[in-house]
N, C-alpha and C. Protein backbone atom coordinates (compact mmCIF):
# COMPACT_ATOMS: atom_id res chain seq x y z
N MET A 1 0.85 -1.18 0.00
CA MET A 1 0.00 0.00 0.00
C MET A 1 0.89 1.24 0.00
N SER A 2 0.60 2.16 -0.90
CA SER A 2 1.31 3.43 -0.99
C SER A 2 0.36 4.57 -0.69
N ALA A 3 0.91 5.68 -0.26
CA ALA A 3 0.11 6.87 0.01
C ALA A 3 0.89 8.11 -0.37
N LEU A 4 0.17 9.16 -0.69
CA LEU A 4 0.82 10.45 -0.90
C LEU A 4 -0.12 11.54 -0.45
N THR A 5 0.45 12.59 0.10
CA THR A 5 -0.30 13.78 0.49
C THR A 5 0.38 14.97 -0.14
N VAL A 6 -0.39 15.82 -0.76
CA VAL A 6 0.16 17.00 -1.42
C VAL A 6 -0.78 18.18 -1.19
N ASN A 7 -0.18 19.35 -0.95
CA ASN A 7 -0.93 20.59 -0.82
C ASN A 7 -0.74 21.37 -2.11
N ILE A 8 -1.84 21.76 -2.73
CA ILE A 8 -1.78 22.49 -3.99
C ILE A 8 -2.42 23.85 -3.77
N ASP A 9 -1.60 24.90 -3.84
CA ASP A 9 -2.12 26.26 -3.67
C ASP A 9 -2.63 26.78 -5.00
N GLY A 10 -3.70 27.54 -4.95
CA GLY A 10 -4.31 28.13 -6.14
C GLY A 10 -5.81 28.02 -6.01
N LEU A 11 -6.52 28.81 -6.79
CA LEU A 11 -7.98 28.79 -6.73
C LEU A 11 -8.50 27.52 -7.40
N PRO A 12 -9.16 26.62 -6.66
CA PRO A 12 -9.69 25.39 -7.25
C PRO A 12 -10.75 25.71 -8.31
N ILE A 13 -10.62 25.06 -9.45
CA ILE A 13 -11.54 25.28 -10.56
C ILE A 13 -12.35 24.00 -10.76
N PRO A 14 -13.68 24.12 -10.82
CA PRO A 14 -14.51 22.93 -11.04
C PRO A 14 -14.47 22.50 -12.50
N GLN A 15 -14.82 21.25 -12.74
CA GLN A 15 -14.94 20.74 -14.09
C GLN A 15 -16.18 21.36 -14.72
N GLY A 16 -16.03 21.97 -15.89
CA GLY A 16 -17.18 22.55 -16.57
C GLY A 16 -17.90 21.51 -17.40
N SER A 17 -19.02 21.89 -17.95
CA SER A 17 -19.77 21.02 -18.84
C SER A 17 -19.07 20.94 -20.19
N LEU A 18 -19.28 19.85 -20.90
CA LEU A 18 -18.73 19.72 -22.24
C LEU A 18 -19.60 20.48 -23.22
N VAL A 19 -18.94 21.26 -24.09
CA VAL A 19 -19.63 22.00 -25.14
C VAL A 19 -18.93 21.73 -26.46
N SER A 20 -19.64 21.95 -27.53
CA SER A 20 -19.13 21.68 -28.88
C SER A 20 -18.20 22.79 -29.35
N ASN A 21 -17.17 22.40 -30.09
CA ASN A 21 -16.30 23.36 -30.76
C ASN A 21 -16.83 23.67 -32.16
N GLY A 22 -17.94 23.09 -32.51
CA GLY A 22 -18.51 23.23 -33.84
C GLY A 22 -18.65 21.85 -34.46
N ILE A 23 -19.41 21.76 -35.50
CA ILE A 23 -19.68 20.48 -36.15
C ILE A 23 -18.36 19.85 -36.61
N GLY A 24 -18.11 18.63 -36.13
CA GLY A 24 -16.91 17.89 -36.50
C GLY A 24 -15.63 18.37 -35.86
N LYS A 25 -15.69 19.31 -34.91
CA LYS A 25 -14.48 19.87 -34.30
C LYS A 25 -14.28 19.43 -32.86
N GLY A 26 -15.05 18.46 -32.39
CA GLY A 26 -14.85 17.91 -31.05
C GLY A 26 -15.52 18.71 -29.95
N LEU A 27 -15.13 18.36 -28.72
CA LEU A 27 -15.72 18.96 -27.53
C LEU A 27 -14.64 19.59 -26.66
N ARG A 28 -15.05 20.51 -25.81
CA ARG A 28 -14.16 21.12 -24.81
C ARG A 28 -14.99 21.42 -23.58
N HIS A 29 -14.31 21.66 -22.47
CA HIS A 29 -15.03 22.06 -21.25
C HIS A 29 -15.40 23.53 -21.36
N SER A 30 -16.57 23.87 -20.87
CA SER A 30 -17.07 25.23 -21.00
C SER A 30 -16.15 26.25 -20.32
N ASN A 31 -15.39 25.82 -19.33
CA ASN A 31 -14.48 26.72 -18.61
C ASN A 31 -13.01 26.35 -18.86
N HIS A 32 -12.70 25.87 -20.06
CA HIS A 32 -11.36 25.34 -20.34
C HIS A 32 -10.25 26.36 -20.13
N VAL A 33 -10.52 27.65 -20.30
CA VAL A 33 -9.48 28.67 -20.14
C VAL A 33 -8.97 28.71 -18.69
N LYS A 34 -9.86 28.56 -17.72
CA LYS A 34 -9.47 28.54 -16.31
C LYS A 34 -9.10 27.14 -15.84
N LEU A 35 -9.76 26.13 -16.40
CA LEU A 35 -9.55 24.75 -15.95
C LEU A 35 -8.16 24.23 -16.31
N LYS A 36 -7.66 24.53 -17.51
CA LYS A 36 -6.37 23.99 -17.95
C LYS A 36 -5.22 24.37 -17.02
N PRO A 37 -5.06 25.65 -16.63
CA PRO A 37 -3.96 25.98 -15.70
C PRO A 37 -4.10 25.30 -14.34
N TRP A 38 -5.34 25.20 -13.82
CA TRP A 38 -5.56 24.53 -12.54
C TRP A 38 -5.20 23.05 -12.65
N ARG A 39 -5.64 22.41 -13.73
CA ARG A 39 -5.33 21.00 -13.94
C ARG A 39 -3.81 20.80 -14.02
N TYR A 40 -3.11 21.72 -14.68
CA TYR A 40 -1.65 21.63 -14.78
C TYR A 40 -1.03 21.70 -13.39
N GLN A 41 -1.52 22.59 -12.53
CA GLN A 41 -1.01 22.69 -11.16
C GLN A 41 -1.22 21.39 -10.41
N VAL A 42 -2.42 20.82 -10.54
CA VAL A 42 -2.75 19.57 -9.84
C VAL A 42 -1.83 18.45 -10.32
N VAL A 43 -1.72 18.27 -11.62
CA VAL A 43 -0.89 17.20 -12.18
C VAL A 43 0.56 17.38 -11.78
N SER A 44 1.09 18.59 -11.88
CA SER A 44 2.49 18.85 -11.53
C SER A 44 2.78 18.54 -10.07
N ALA A 45 1.89 18.96 -9.18
CA ALA A 45 2.09 18.71 -7.75
C ALA A 45 2.02 17.22 -7.43
N ILE A 46 1.09 16.51 -8.06
CA ILE A 46 0.97 15.07 -7.82
C ILE A 46 2.21 14.35 -8.32
N LEU A 47 2.68 14.70 -9.52
CA LEU A 47 3.87 14.04 -10.07
C LEU A 47 5.10 14.28 -9.19
N ALA A 48 5.21 15.47 -8.61
CA ALA A 48 6.35 15.77 -7.75
C ALA A 48 6.31 14.97 -6.46
N ALA A 49 5.12 14.60 -6.01
CA ALA A 49 4.97 13.88 -4.74
C ALA A 49 4.78 12.37 -4.92
N LYS A 50 4.67 11.91 -6.14
CA LYS A 50 4.35 10.50 -6.43
C LYS A 50 5.48 9.58 -5.95
N PRO A 51 5.14 8.60 -5.10
CA PRO A 51 6.15 7.64 -4.66
C PRO A 51 6.64 6.78 -5.84
N LYS A 52 7.90 6.39 -5.80
CA LYS A 52 8.48 5.59 -6.88
C LYS A 52 7.79 4.24 -7.01
N ASP A 53 7.26 3.71 -5.91
CA ASP A 53 6.65 2.38 -5.95
C ASP A 53 5.14 2.43 -6.20
N TRP A 54 4.61 3.55 -6.65
CA TRP A 54 3.17 3.68 -6.86
C TRP A 54 2.74 2.75 -7.99
N ASP A 55 1.67 1.99 -7.76
CA ASP A 55 1.14 1.06 -8.76
C ASP A 55 -0.17 1.62 -9.31
N PRO A 56 -0.19 2.09 -10.58
CA PRO A 56 -1.39 2.71 -11.14
C PRO A 56 -2.52 1.73 -11.46
N SER A 57 -2.28 0.44 -11.25
CA SER A 57 -3.34 -0.53 -11.52
C SER A 57 -4.24 -0.77 -10.30
N LEU A 58 -3.83 -0.26 -9.14
CA LEU A 58 -4.59 -0.51 -7.90
C LEU A 58 -5.72 0.50 -7.72
N PRO A 59 -6.78 0.10 -7.02
CA PRO A 59 -7.82 1.07 -6.66
C PRO A 59 -7.26 2.10 -5.67
N VAL A 60 -7.92 3.24 -5.61
CA VAL A 60 -7.42 4.37 -4.81
C VAL A 60 -8.54 4.98 -3.98
N SER A 61 -8.19 5.39 -2.77
CA SER A 61 -9.07 6.17 -1.92
C SER A 61 -8.54 7.60 -1.90
N VAL A 62 -9.43 8.58 -2.05
CA VAL A 62 -9.02 9.99 -2.11
C VAL A 62 -9.69 10.78 -1.00
N THR A 63 -8.90 11.59 -0.32
CA THR A 63 -9.41 12.56 0.64
C THR A 63 -8.94 13.93 0.19
N ALA A 64 -9.86 14.88 0.14
CA ALA A 64 -9.52 16.22 -0.31
C ALA A 64 -10.23 17.26 0.55
N THR A 65 -9.47 18.26 0.97
CA THR A 65 -10.04 19.43 1.63
C THR A 65 -9.77 20.61 0.71
N VAL A 66 -10.83 21.17 0.18
CA VAL A 66 -10.74 22.24 -0.81
C VAL A 66 -10.99 23.57 -0.11
N ARG A 67 -10.07 24.51 -0.31
CA ARG A 67 -10.13 25.80 0.37
C ARG A 67 -10.43 26.92 -0.62
N PHE A 68 -11.47 27.70 -0.31
CA PHE A 68 -11.84 28.84 -1.14
C PHE A 68 -11.69 30.12 -0.34
N PRO A 69 -11.29 31.22 -0.98
CA PRO A 69 -11.18 32.50 -0.26
C PRO A 69 -12.56 33.04 0.09
N ARG A 70 -12.64 33.73 1.21
CA ARG A 70 -13.89 34.38 1.59
C ARG A 70 -14.05 35.65 0.75
N PRO A 71 -15.29 35.96 0.37
CA PRO A 71 -15.52 37.23 -0.32
C PRO A 71 -15.30 38.41 0.63
N GLN A 72 -14.93 39.52 0.09
CA GLN A 72 -14.68 40.72 0.89
C GLN A 72 -15.92 41.12 1.70
N SER A 73 -17.10 40.79 1.18
CA SER A 73 -18.34 41.16 1.87
C SER A 73 -18.53 40.44 3.20
N HIS A 74 -17.72 39.42 3.48
CA HIS A 74 -17.80 38.71 4.76
C HIS A 74 -17.06 39.48 5.87
N TYR A 75 -16.30 40.51 5.49
CA TYR A 75 -15.49 41.26 6.45
C TYR A 75 -16.06 42.65 6.67
N GLY A 76 -15.68 43.24 7.79
CA GLY A 76 -16.08 44.61 8.09
C GLY A 76 -15.33 45.59 7.21
N THR A 77 -15.49 46.87 7.50
CA THR A 77 -14.81 47.93 6.75
C THR A 77 -13.98 48.77 7.71
N GLY A 78 -13.11 49.58 7.14
CA GLY A 78 -12.29 50.48 7.95
C GLY A 78 -11.37 49.70 8.88
N ARG A 79 -11.39 50.05 10.16
CA ARG A 79 -10.51 49.36 11.11
C ARG A 79 -10.94 47.92 11.36
N ASN A 80 -12.15 47.54 10.94
CA ASN A 80 -12.65 46.17 11.07
C ASN A 80 -12.49 45.35 9.79
N ALA A 81 -11.65 45.84 8.89
CA ALA A 81 -11.49 45.18 7.58
C ALA A 81 -10.95 43.76 7.71
N ASP A 82 -10.27 43.44 8.81
CA ASP A 82 -9.74 42.09 9.01
C ASP A 82 -10.62 41.24 9.92
N THR A 83 -11.80 41.76 10.30
CA THR A 83 -12.69 41.07 11.21
C THR A 83 -13.91 40.53 10.46
N LEU A 84 -14.17 39.23 10.67
CA LEU A 84 -15.36 38.64 10.05
C LEU A 84 -16.61 39.24 10.67
N LYS A 85 -17.59 39.51 9.83
CA LYS A 85 -18.88 39.97 10.33
C LYS A 85 -19.56 38.81 11.05
N PRO A 86 -20.38 39.09 12.07
CA PRO A 86 -21.13 38.03 12.74
C PRO A 86 -22.06 37.28 11.78
N SER A 87 -22.47 37.95 10.72
CA SER A 87 -23.39 37.33 9.75
C SER A 87 -22.66 36.49 8.70
N ALA A 88 -21.32 36.48 8.72
CA ALA A 88 -20.57 35.71 7.73
C ALA A 88 -20.84 34.22 7.92
N PRO A 89 -21.12 33.50 6.82
CA PRO A 89 -21.42 32.07 6.95
C PRO A 89 -20.20 31.27 7.39
N ILE A 90 -20.45 30.21 8.12
CA ILE A 90 -19.39 29.31 8.56
C ILE A 90 -18.99 28.38 7.42
N TYR A 91 -19.99 27.87 6.71
CA TYR A 91 -19.75 26.85 5.68
C TYR A 91 -19.75 27.46 4.28
N HIS A 92 -18.96 26.88 3.41
CA HIS A 92 -18.90 27.28 2.01
C HIS A 92 -20.02 26.55 1.27
N ALA A 93 -21.22 27.08 1.35
CA ALA A 93 -22.40 26.42 0.79
C ALA A 93 -22.86 27.14 -0.48
N VAL A 94 -21.89 27.60 -1.27
CA VAL A 94 -22.18 28.29 -2.53
C VAL A 94 -21.38 27.60 -3.63
N LYS A 95 -21.60 28.02 -4.87
CA LYS A 95 -20.85 27.45 -5.99
C LYS A 95 -19.37 27.74 -5.79
N PRO A 96 -18.51 26.87 -6.28
CA PRO A 96 -18.77 25.75 -7.17
C PRO A 96 -19.25 24.51 -6.42
N ASP A 97 -19.98 23.68 -7.15
CA ASP A 97 -20.49 22.43 -6.60
C ASP A 97 -19.33 21.49 -6.29
N ILE A 98 -19.41 20.82 -5.17
CA ILE A 98 -18.33 19.95 -4.72
C ILE A 98 -18.10 18.77 -5.68
N ASP A 99 -19.17 18.30 -6.34
CA ASP A 99 -19.00 17.19 -7.26
C ASP A 99 -18.21 17.60 -8.50
N LYS A 100 -18.37 18.85 -8.95
CA LYS A 100 -17.60 19.31 -10.10
C LYS A 100 -16.13 19.54 -9.74
N VAL A 101 -15.88 19.96 -8.51
CA VAL A 101 -14.50 20.09 -8.04
C VAL A 101 -13.85 18.71 -7.97
N ALA A 102 -14.60 17.72 -7.47
CA ALA A 102 -14.09 16.34 -7.39
C ALA A 102 -13.80 15.79 -8.78
N ARG A 103 -14.66 16.08 -9.75
CA ARG A 103 -14.42 15.60 -11.12
C ARG A 103 -13.13 16.17 -11.68
N ALA A 104 -12.87 17.45 -11.43
CA ALA A 104 -11.64 18.07 -11.92
C ALA A 104 -10.42 17.43 -11.26
N LEU A 105 -10.50 17.18 -9.96
CA LEU A 105 -9.39 16.53 -9.25
C LEU A 105 -9.19 15.10 -9.75
N GLY A 106 -10.29 14.36 -9.93
CA GLY A 106 -10.20 12.99 -10.41
C GLY A 106 -9.53 12.90 -11.77
N ASP A 107 -9.88 13.81 -12.66
CA ASP A 107 -9.24 13.82 -13.98
C ASP A 107 -7.76 14.19 -13.88
N GLY A 108 -7.41 15.06 -12.93
CA GLY A 108 -6.00 15.40 -12.71
C GLY A 108 -5.22 14.22 -12.16
N ILE A 109 -5.85 13.45 -11.27
CA ILE A 109 -5.21 12.25 -10.72
C ILE A 109 -4.95 11.24 -11.84
N GLU A 110 -5.91 11.10 -12.73
CA GLU A 110 -5.74 10.19 -13.87
C GLU A 110 -4.65 10.70 -14.81
N GLU A 111 -4.68 11.98 -15.12
CA GLU A 111 -3.69 12.56 -16.04
C GLU A 111 -2.27 12.44 -15.47
N ALA A 112 -2.14 12.49 -14.15
CA ALA A 112 -0.82 12.35 -13.51
C ALA A 112 -0.33 10.90 -13.50
N GLY A 113 -1.19 9.97 -13.89
CA GLY A 113 -0.79 8.57 -13.98
C GLY A 113 -0.88 7.79 -12.68
N LEU A 114 -1.60 8.31 -11.70
CA LEU A 114 -1.76 7.57 -10.45
C LEU A 114 -2.78 6.46 -10.58
N VAL A 115 -3.66 6.59 -11.55
CA VAL A 115 -4.63 5.55 -11.88
C VAL A 115 -4.71 5.49 -13.40
N ARG A 116 -5.16 4.37 -13.92
CA ARG A 116 -5.33 4.24 -15.37
C ARG A 116 -6.61 4.91 -15.84
N GLY A 117 -7.56 4.99 -14.92
CA GLY A 117 -8.83 5.66 -15.18
C GLY A 117 -9.42 6.10 -13.87
N ASP A 118 -10.14 7.22 -13.86
CA ASP A 118 -10.65 7.69 -12.57
C ASP A 118 -11.76 6.82 -12.01
N GLN A 119 -12.18 5.79 -12.76
CA GLN A 119 -13.11 4.80 -12.20
C GLN A 119 -12.44 3.96 -11.12
N GLN A 120 -11.10 3.99 -11.04
CA GLN A 120 -10.38 3.26 -9.99
C GLN A 120 -10.46 3.95 -8.64
N ILE A 121 -10.98 5.17 -8.61
CA ILE A 121 -11.18 5.86 -7.33
C ILE A 121 -12.41 5.24 -6.69
N THR A 122 -12.20 4.47 -5.64
CA THR A 122 -13.29 3.72 -5.02
C THR A 122 -13.95 4.46 -3.86
N SER A 123 -13.28 5.48 -3.34
CA SER A 123 -13.92 6.27 -2.28
C SER A 123 -13.40 7.70 -2.34
N TRP A 124 -14.30 8.63 -2.07
CA TRP A 124 -14.00 10.05 -1.98
C TRP A 124 -14.43 10.53 -0.61
N ASN A 125 -13.55 11.26 0.05
CA ASN A 125 -13.91 12.00 1.25
C ASN A 125 -13.49 13.43 0.94
N ILE A 126 -14.46 14.26 0.58
CA ILE A 126 -14.14 15.61 0.11
C ILE A 126 -14.97 16.63 0.87
N ALA A 127 -14.31 17.71 1.22
CA ALA A 127 -14.97 18.81 1.92
C ALA A 127 -14.48 20.12 1.31
N LYS A 128 -15.35 21.12 1.32
CA LYS A 128 -14.94 22.45 0.89
C LYS A 128 -15.19 23.41 2.04
N ARG A 129 -14.30 24.38 2.15
CA ARG A 129 -14.41 25.34 3.24
C ARG A 129 -13.75 26.64 2.83
N TYR A 130 -13.94 27.66 3.66
CA TYR A 130 -13.26 28.93 3.46
C TYR A 130 -11.86 28.88 4.04
N THR A 131 -10.96 29.66 3.48
CA THR A 131 -9.61 29.78 4.03
C THR A 131 -9.70 30.43 5.41
N VAL A 132 -8.68 30.18 6.21
CA VAL A 132 -8.61 30.73 7.56
C VAL A 132 -7.34 31.57 7.66
N GLY A 133 -7.48 32.80 8.13
CA GLY A 133 -6.32 33.68 8.30
C GLY A 133 -5.60 33.92 6.98
N ASP A 134 -4.27 33.72 7.00
CA ASP A 134 -3.45 33.95 5.81
C ASP A 134 -3.32 32.71 4.93
N GLU A 135 -4.10 31.69 5.21
CA GLU A 135 -4.05 30.45 4.45
C GLU A 135 -4.40 30.72 2.98
N ALA A 136 -3.68 30.06 2.08
CA ALA A 136 -3.93 30.21 0.65
C ALA A 136 -5.08 29.32 0.20
N PRO A 137 -5.84 29.75 -0.80
CA PRO A 137 -6.82 28.85 -1.39
C PRO A 137 -6.09 27.67 -2.04
N GLY A 138 -6.78 26.56 -2.20
CA GLY A 138 -6.16 25.40 -2.82
C GLY A 138 -6.82 24.12 -2.34
N VAL A 139 -6.04 23.04 -2.35
CA VAL A 139 -6.56 21.74 -1.93
C VAL A 139 -5.46 20.95 -1.24
N LEU A 140 -5.83 20.28 -0.16
CA LEU A 140 -4.96 19.30 0.49
C LEU A 140 -5.49 17.94 0.04
N LEU A 141 -4.66 17.21 -0.68
CA LEU A 141 -5.09 15.98 -1.33
C LEU A 141 -4.28 14.82 -0.80
N THR A 142 -4.98 13.75 -0.36
CA THR A 142 -4.33 12.53 0.10
C THR A 142 -4.88 11.37 -0.71
N LEU A 143 -3.98 10.57 -1.28
CA LEU A 143 -4.36 9.38 -2.03
C LEU A 143 -3.72 8.17 -1.38
N ILE A 144 -4.51 7.13 -1.23
CA ILE A 144 -4.03 5.86 -0.67
C ILE A 144 -4.36 4.76 -1.65
N SER A 145 -3.35 4.01 -2.09
CA SER A 145 -3.64 2.86 -2.96
C SER A 145 -4.11 1.73 -2.08
N LEU A 146 -5.09 1.00 -2.56
CA LEU A 146 -5.72 -0.06 -1.76
C LEU A 146 -5.28 -1.44 -2.22
């Protein structure tokens, strides 16, 4: 059994819907301009952390904590600019949808060669939350081969 944990800083981008490039010109993700750089970050970080003995034929369990920045409207103004308002939500219960974020991560895991296909991911434990303090947006990703 192998495992890897990697922290990837950057704004997590969800997987967009597939749209046509025109008749006979294939498909692309609706948000491909933002998705491609994020996917590159994910793949690069995974490859840098990949254990030498990793077996891509094994099933994988994935745990991910996805961090999003709080909007400025959650904070006070003036001298209270660094203080959360009492009305600021605790949970990140807004877009992007967690399943679309998971799809983007799953495709990055596959592209990095940790699995032959993302169907080998047998369990997901994923949460999304707001950043805390000076913490950067991004994802803490742990993969365990089973």
